[in-house]
């Protein structure tokens, strides 16, 4: 349980703060996550 929660937290932080790193499209992401997915797809 703790491992899953930690991974989810790290993924959320990475999606919000890691610029230039590809993030896999997942349902439930925020607008910033969708924008990053769109930018990564256009590259």
PDB file of N, CA and C in Angstrom:
ATOM      1  N   UNK A   1       0.834  -1.201   0.000  1.00  0.00           N
ATOM      2  CA  UNK A   1       0.000   0.000   0.000  1.00  0.00           C
ATOM      3  C   UNK A   1       0.869   1.252   0.000  1.00  0.00           C
ATOM      4  N   UNK A   2       1.844   1.284   0.893  1.00  0.00           N
ATOM      5  CA  UNK A   2       2.705   2.468   0.961  1.00  0.00           C
ATOM      6  C   UNK A   2       3.478   2.657  -0.334  1.00  0.00           C
ATOM      7  N   UNK A   3       3.930   1.556  -0.918  1.00  0.00           N
ATOM      8  CA  UNK A   3       4.699   1.661  -2.163  1.00  0.00           C
ATOM      9  C   UNK A   3       3.845   2.258  -3.272  1.00  0.00           C
ATOM     10  N   UNK A   4       2.613   1.798  -3.390  1.00  0.00           N
ATOM     11  CA  UNK A   4       1.720   2.314  -4.435  1.00  0.00           C
ATOM     12  C   UNK A   4       1.448   3.794  -4.204  1.00  0.00           C
ATOM     13  N   UNK A   5       1.185   4.170  -2.961  1.00  0.00           N
ATOM     14  CA  UNK A   5       0.915   5.574  -2.656  1.00  0.00           C
ATOM     15  C   UNK A   5       2.133   6.432  -2.965  1.00  0.00           C
ATOM     16  N   UNK A   6       3.316   5.928  -2.638  1.00  0.00           N
ATOM     17  CA  UNK A   6       4.545   6.671  -2.921  1.00  0.00           C
ATOM     18  C   UNK A   6       4.739   6.844  -4.418  1.00  0.00           C
ATOM     19  N   UNK A   7       4.514   5.773  -5.176  1.00  0.00           N
ATOM     20  CA  UNK A   7       4.663   5.862  -6.631  1.00  0.00           C
ATOM     21  C   UNK A   7       3.669   6.857  -7.219  1.00  0.00           C
ATOM     22  N   UNK A   8       2.438   6.822  -6.751  1.00  0.00           N
ATOM     23  CA  UNK A   8       1.431   7.767  -7.252  1.00  0.00           C
ATOM     24  C   UNK A   8       1.834   9.198  -6.931  1.00  0.00           C
ATOM     25  N   UNK A   9       2.365   9.414  -5.733  1.00  0.00           N
ATOM     26  CA  UNK A   9       2.804  10.758  -5.356  1.00  0.00           C
ATOM     27  C   UNK A   9       3.941  11.219  -6.247  1.00  0.00           C
ATOM     28  N   UNK A  10       4.922  10.342  -6.467  1.00  0.00           N
ATOM     29  CA  UNK A  10       6.057  10.702  -7.323  1.00  0.00           C
ATOM     30  C   UNK A  10       5.593  10.976  -8.746  1.00  0.00           C
ATOM     31  N   UNK A  11       4.677  10.163  -9.260  1.00  0.00           N
ATOM     32  CA  UNK A  11       4.165  10.381 -10.616  1.00  0.00           C
ATOM     33  C   UNK A  11       3.428  11.708 -10.712  1.00  0.00           C
ATOM     34  N   UNK A  12       2.659  12.033  -9.675  1.00  0.00           N
ATOM     35  CA  UNK A  12       1.922  13.303  -9.683  1.00  0.00           C
ATOM     36  C   UNK A  12       2.886  14.468  -9.665  1.00  0.00           C
ATOM     37  N   UNK A  13       3.903  14.388  -8.806  1.00  0.00           N
ATOM     38  CA  UNK A  13       4.891  15.467  -8.739  1.00  0.00           C
ATOM     39  C   UNK A  13       5.652  15.576 -10.050  1.00  0.00           C
ATOM     40  N   UNK A  14       6.005  14.449 -10.638  1.00  0.00           N
ATOM     41  CA  UNK A  14       6.745  14.466 -11.903  1.00  0.00           C
ATOM     42  C   UNK A  14       5.895  15.069 -13.011  1.00  0.00           C
ATOM     43  N   UNK A  15       4.614  14.728 -13.039  1.00  0.00           N
ATOM     44  CA  UNK A  15       3.730  15.255 -14.084  1.00  0.00           C
ATOM     45  C   UNK A  15       3.573  16.764 -13.946  1.00  0.00           C
ATOM     46  N   UNK A  16       3.634  17.260 -12.719  1.00  0.00           N
ATOM     47  CA  UNK A  16       3.433  18.695 -12.505  1.00  0.00           C
ATOM     48  C   UNK A  16       4.736  19.467 -12.654  1.00  0.00           C
ATOM     49  N   UNK A  17       5.865  18.883 -12.252  1.00  0.00           N
ATOM     50  CA  UNK A  17       7.093  19.667 -12.164  1.00  0.00           C
ATOM     51  C   UNK A  17       8.206  19.269 -13.114  1.00  0.00           C
ATOM     52  N   UNK A  18       8.176  18.068 -13.701  1.00  0.00           N
ATOM     53  CA  UNK A  18       9.277  17.642 -14.565  1.00  0.00           C
ATOM     54  C   UNK A  18       9.033  18.125 -15.986  1.00  0.00           C
ATOM     55  N   UNK A  19       9.797  19.083 -16.416  1.00  0.00           N
ATOM     56  CA  UNK A  19       9.626  19.607 -17.775  1.00  0.00           C
ATOM     57  C   UNK A  19      10.525  18.844 -18.738  1.00  0.00           C
ATOM     58  N   UNK A  20      10.001  18.514 -19.906  1.00  0.00           N
ATOM     59  CA  UNK A  20      10.800  17.856 -20.927  1.00  0.00           C
ATOM     60  C   UNK A  20      10.875  16.351 -20.774  1.00  0.00           C
ATOM     61  N   UNK A  21      10.264  15.802 -19.723  1.00  0.00           N
ATOM     62  CA  UNK A  21      10.285  14.354 -19.553  1.00  0.00           C
ATOM     63  C   UNK A  21       8.953  13.774 -20.006  1.00  0.00           C
ATOM     64  N   UNK A  22       8.985  12.728 -20.808  1.00  0.00           N
ATOM     65  CA  UNK A  22       7.740  12.145 -21.311  1.00  0.00           C
ATOM     66  C   UNK A  22       6.935  11.492 -20.198  1.00  0.00           C
ATOM     67  N   UNK A  23       5.649  11.761 -20.156  1.00  0.00           N
ATOM     68  CA  UNK A  23       4.779  11.130 -19.175  1.00  0.00           C
ATOM     69  C   UNK A  23       3.696  10.360 -19.914  1.00  0.00           C
ATOM     70  N   UNK A  24       3.468   9.128 -19.534  1.00  0.00           N
ATOM     71  CA  UNK A  24       2.458   8.323 -20.221  1.00  0.00           C
ATOM     72  C   UNK A  24       1.069   8.885 -19.988  1.00  0.00           C
ATOM     73  N   UNK A  25       0.227   8.922 -20.994  1.00  0.00           N
ATOM     74  CA  UNK A  25      -1.142   9.424 -20.822  1.00  0.00           C
ATOM     75  C   UNK A  25      -1.949   8.497 -19.929  1.00  0.00           C
ATOM     76  N   UNK A  26      -2.481   9.040 -18.844  1.00  0.00           N
ATOM     77  CA  UNK A  26      -3.285   8.243 -17.928  1.00  0.00           C
ATOM     78  C   UNK A  26      -4.560   9.001 -17.608  1.00  0.00           C
ATOM     79  N   UNK A  27      -5.670   8.308 -17.454  1.00  0.00           N
ATOM     80  CA  UNK A  27      -6.928   8.970 -17.095  1.00  0.00           C
ATOM     81  C   UNK A  27      -6.841   9.569 -15.701  1.00  0.00           C
ATOM     82  N   UNK A  28      -7.441  10.721 -15.502  1.00  0.00           N
ATOM     83  CA  UNK A  28      -7.454  11.338 -14.187  1.00  0.00           C
ATOM     84  C   UNK A  28      -6.355  12.359 -13.990  1.00  0.00           C
ATOM     85  N   UNK A  29      -5.552  12.616 -15.027  1.00  0.00           N
ATOM     86  CA  UNK A  29      -4.511  13.620 -14.891  1.00  0.00           C
ATOM     87  C   UNK A  29      -5.123  15.007 -14.921  1.00  0.00           C
ATOM     88  N   UNK A  30      -4.402  15.964 -14.352  1.00  0.00           N
ATOM     89  CA  UNK A  30      -4.882  17.338 -14.351  1.00  0.00           C
ATOM     90  C   UNK A  30      -4.674  17.966 -15.718  1.00  0.00           C
ATOM     91  N   UNK A  31      -5.077  19.237 -15.848  1.00  0.00           N
ATOM     92  CA  UNK A  31      -4.922  19.938 -17.123  1.00  0.00           C
ATOM     93  C   UNK A  31      -3.446  20.021 -17.490  1.00  0.00           C
ATOM     94  N   UNK A  32      -2.585  20.264 -16.508  1.00  0.00           N
ATOM     95  CA  UNK A  32      -1.151  20.368 -16.789  1.00  0.00           C
ATOM     96  C   UNK A  32      -0.624  19.044 -17.332  1.00  0.00           C
ATOM     97  N   UNK A  33      -1.123  17.939 -16.818  1.00  0.00           N
ATOM     98  CA  UNK A  33      -0.710  16.635 -17.325  1.00  0.00           C
ATOM     99  C   UNK A  33      -1.144  16.442 -18.763  1.00  0.00           C
ATOM    100  N   UNK A  34      -2.358  16.869 -19.091  1.00  0.00           N
ATOM    101  CA  UNK A  34      -2.846  16.734 -20.462  1.00  0.00           C
ATOM    102  C   UNK A  34      -2.050  17.632 -21.395  1.00  0.00           C
ATOM    103  N   UNK A  35      -1.688  18.814 -20.929  1.00  0.00           N
ATOM    104  CA  UNK A  35      -0.897  19.730 -21.755  1.00  0.00           C
ATOM    105  C   UNK A  35       0.459  19.108 -22.038  1.00  0.00           C
ATOM    106  N   UNK A  36       1.089  18.511 -21.007  1.00  0.00           N
ATOM    107  CA  UNK A  36       2.391  17.886 -21.203  1.00  0.00           C
ATOM    108  C   UNK A  36       2.275  16.729 -22.195  1.00  0.00           C
ATOM    109  N   UNK A  37       1.207  15.962 -22.105  1.00  0.00           N
ATOM    110  CA  UNK A  37       1.008  14.854 -23.037  1.00  0.00           C
ATOM    111  C   UNK A  37       0.881  15.395 -24.454  1.00  0.00           C
ATOM    112  N   UNK A  38       0.153  16.499 -24.611  1.00  0.00           N
ATOM    113  CA  UNK A  38      -0.007  17.096 -25.931  1.00  0.00           C
ATOM    114  C   UNK A  38       1.317  17.609 -26.466  1.00  0.00           C
ATOM    115  N   UNK A  39       2.112  18.254 -25.608  1.00  0.00           N
ATOM    116  CA  UNK A  39       3.406  18.776 -26.037  1.00  0.00           C
ATOM    117  C   UNK A  39       4.327  17.623 -26.410  1.00  0.00           C
ATOM    118  N   UNK A  40       4.353  16.572 -25.583  1.00  0.00           N
ATOM    119  CA  UNK A  40       5.201  15.421 -25.879  1.00  0.00           C
ATOM    120  C   UNK A  40       4.791  14.753 -27.177  1.00  0.00           C
ATOM    121  N   UNK A  41       3.495  14.710 -27.452  1.00  0.00           N
ATOM    122  CA  UNK A  41       3.025  14.098 -28.683  1.00  0.00           C
ATOM    123  C   UNK A  41       3.412  14.923 -29.903  1.00  0.00           C
ATOM    124  N   UNK A  42       3.423  16.254 -29.745  1.00  0.00           N
ATOM    125  CA  UNK A  42       3.754  17.110 -30.887  1.00  0.00           C
ATOM    126  C   UNK A  42       5.243  17.055 -31.193  1.00  0.00           C
ATOM    127  N   UNK A  43       6.063  16.768 -30.182  1.00  0.00           N
ATOM    128  CA  UNK A  43       7.492  16.644 -30.417  1.00  0.00           C
ATOM    129  C   UNK A  43       7.747  15.331 -31.152  1.00  0.00           C
TER     130      UNK A  43
END
